[in-house]
């Protein structure tokens, strides 16, 4: 499993537009596409890395509750990521992950 504390916004920015497989247990997997990787507006003094957020888009249904999910990406490996649903639009359900 990849160490999330070692990853930066640049690591994720290189994968924008690509799918991540989200493990939903017995129901199988869902594909989430990374829509954006955005640095935080203000850096935290003394932080080991610059804070950033990720925005993913997946199928409109089911809308998953906020929780930690295992995401798998061919380049970044397995990542336990806390996702928060932020809404639905014409593209599907949107989820955000924030890294401080």
Protein backbone atom coordinates (compact mmCIF):
# COMPACT_ATOMS: atom_id res chain seq x y z
CA UNK A 1 0.00 0.00 0.00
CA UNK A 2 1.32 3.44 -0.92
CA UNK A 3 2.25 5.82 1.92
CA UNK A 4 -0.14 8.77 1.48
CA UNK A 5 2.08 11.08 3.54
CA UNK A 6 4.74 10.82 0.83
CA UNK A 7 2.43 11.94 -2.00
CA UNK A 8 2.04 15.55 -3.14
CA UNK A 9 -0.39 17.45 -5.32
CA UNK A 10 2.04 16.96 -8.23
CA UNK A 11 1.86 13.17 -7.88
CA UNK A 12 -1.92 13.29 -8.23
CA UNK A 13 -1.90 16.06 -10.88
CA UNK A 14 -0.06 13.65 -13.18
CA UNK A 15 -3.10 11.32 -12.99
CA UNK A 16 -5.90 13.87 -13.64
CA UNK A 17 -8.34 12.43 -16.15
CA UNK A 18 -7.49 8.82 -15.33
CA UNK A 19 -9.66 6.27 -13.49
CA UNK A 20 -9.16 4.99 -9.97
CA UNK A 21 -10.84 1.73 -8.92
CA UNK A 22 -12.80 2.15 -5.69
CA UNK A 23 -13.33 -1.02 -3.66
CA UNK A 24 -16.93 -1.20 -2.39
CA UNK A 25 -16.56 -4.64 -0.82
CA UNK A 26 -19.01 -7.36 -1.84
CA UNK A 27 -20.56 -5.01 -4.43
CA UNK A 28 -17.28 -4.97 -6.39
CA UNK A 29 -15.58 -1.82 -7.64
CA UNK A 30 -16.60 1.53 -9.02
CA UNK A 31 -14.53 3.68 -11.35
CA UNK A 32 -13.81 7.20 -10.13
CA UNK A 33 -12.06 9.62 -12.46
CA UNK A 34 -9.79 12.23 -10.91
CA UNK A 35 -11.17 15.54 -12.15
CA UNK A 36 -8.69 17.90 -10.43
CA UNK A 37 -5.76 18.12 -8.01
CA UNK A 38 -5.64 21.60 -6.48
CA UNK A 39 -3.12 23.16 -4.06
CA UNK A 40 -4.65 24.81 -1.01
CA UNK A 41 -5.08 28.57 -1.12
CA UNK A 42 -2.74 29.07 1.84
CA UNK A 43 0.13 26.85 2.91
CA UNK A 44 0.41 25.75 6.54
CA UNK A 45 3.61 26.95 8.20
CA UNK A 46 5.87 24.05 9.08
CA UNK A 47 3.74 21.46 7.28
CA UNK A 48 5.71 18.58 5.73
CA UNK A 49 3.93 19.17 2.42
CA UNK A 50 1.67 21.74 0.81
CA UNK A 51 -2.01 20.97 1.55
CA UNK A 52 -4.17 20.08 -1.45
CA UNK A 53 -7.53 18.67 -2.46
CA UNK A 54 -8.67 16.12 -5.02
CA UNK A 55 -12.00 16.05 -6.83
CA UNK A 56 -13.25 12.72 -8.21
CA UNK A 57 -16.32 11.95 -10.35
CA UNK A 58 -18.05 8.58 -10.38
CA UNK A 59 -21.38 7.06 -11.31
CA UNK A 60 -24.45 9.04 -10.19
CA UNK A 61 -25.71 5.97 -8.34
CA UNK A 62 -24.96 4.81 -5.82
CA UNK A 63 -23.97 7.99 -3.97
CA UNK A 64 -21.48 6.70 -1.43
CA UNK A 65 -21.40 8.02 2.16
CA UNK A 66 -18.29 9.73 3.49
CA UNK A 67 -15.79 7.12 4.55
CA UNK A 68 -12.29 5.85 3.93
CA UNK A 69 -12.19 3.81 0.73
CA UNK A 70 -9.40 1.83 -0.86
CA UNK A 71 -8.60 3.41 -4.23
CA UNK A 72 -6.28 1.66 -6.66
CA UNK A 73 -4.43 3.40 -9.49
CA UNK A 74 -1.98 1.75 -11.92
CA UNK A 75 0.75 4.33 -11.22
CA UNK A 76 0.11 5.23 -7.55
CA UNK A 77 -0.91 1.81 -6.21
CA UNK A 78 -3.39 1.20 -3.40
CA UNK A 79 -4.44 4.31 -1.47
CA UNK A 80 -6.73 4.45 1.58
CA UNK A 81 -8.48 7.79 0.97
CA UNK A 82 -11.18 9.54 3.02
CA UNK A 83 -13.81 10.70 0.51
CA UNK A 84 -16.64 13.15 1.15
CA UNK A 85 -19.57 13.32 -1.27
CA UNK A 86 -20.00 16.90 -2.47
CA UNK A 87 -22.94 16.51 -4.85
CA UNK A 88 -24.18 15.27 -8.17
CA UNK A 89 -24.17 16.93 -11.54
CA UNK A 90 -24.67 15.88 -15.16
CA UNK A 91 -21.36 13.98 -15.03
CA UNK A 92 -22.23 11.91 -11.94
CA UNK A 93 -21.46 11.91 -8.23
CA UNK A 94 -18.59 14.12 -7.05
CA UNK A 95 -16.29 13.29 -4.12
CA UNK A 96 -13.56 15.35 -2.47
CA UNK A 97 -10.46 14.30 -0.57
CA UNK A 98 -8.42 16.86 1.38
CA UNK A 99 -4.77 16.35 2.34
CA UNK A 100 -3.20 18.62 4.94
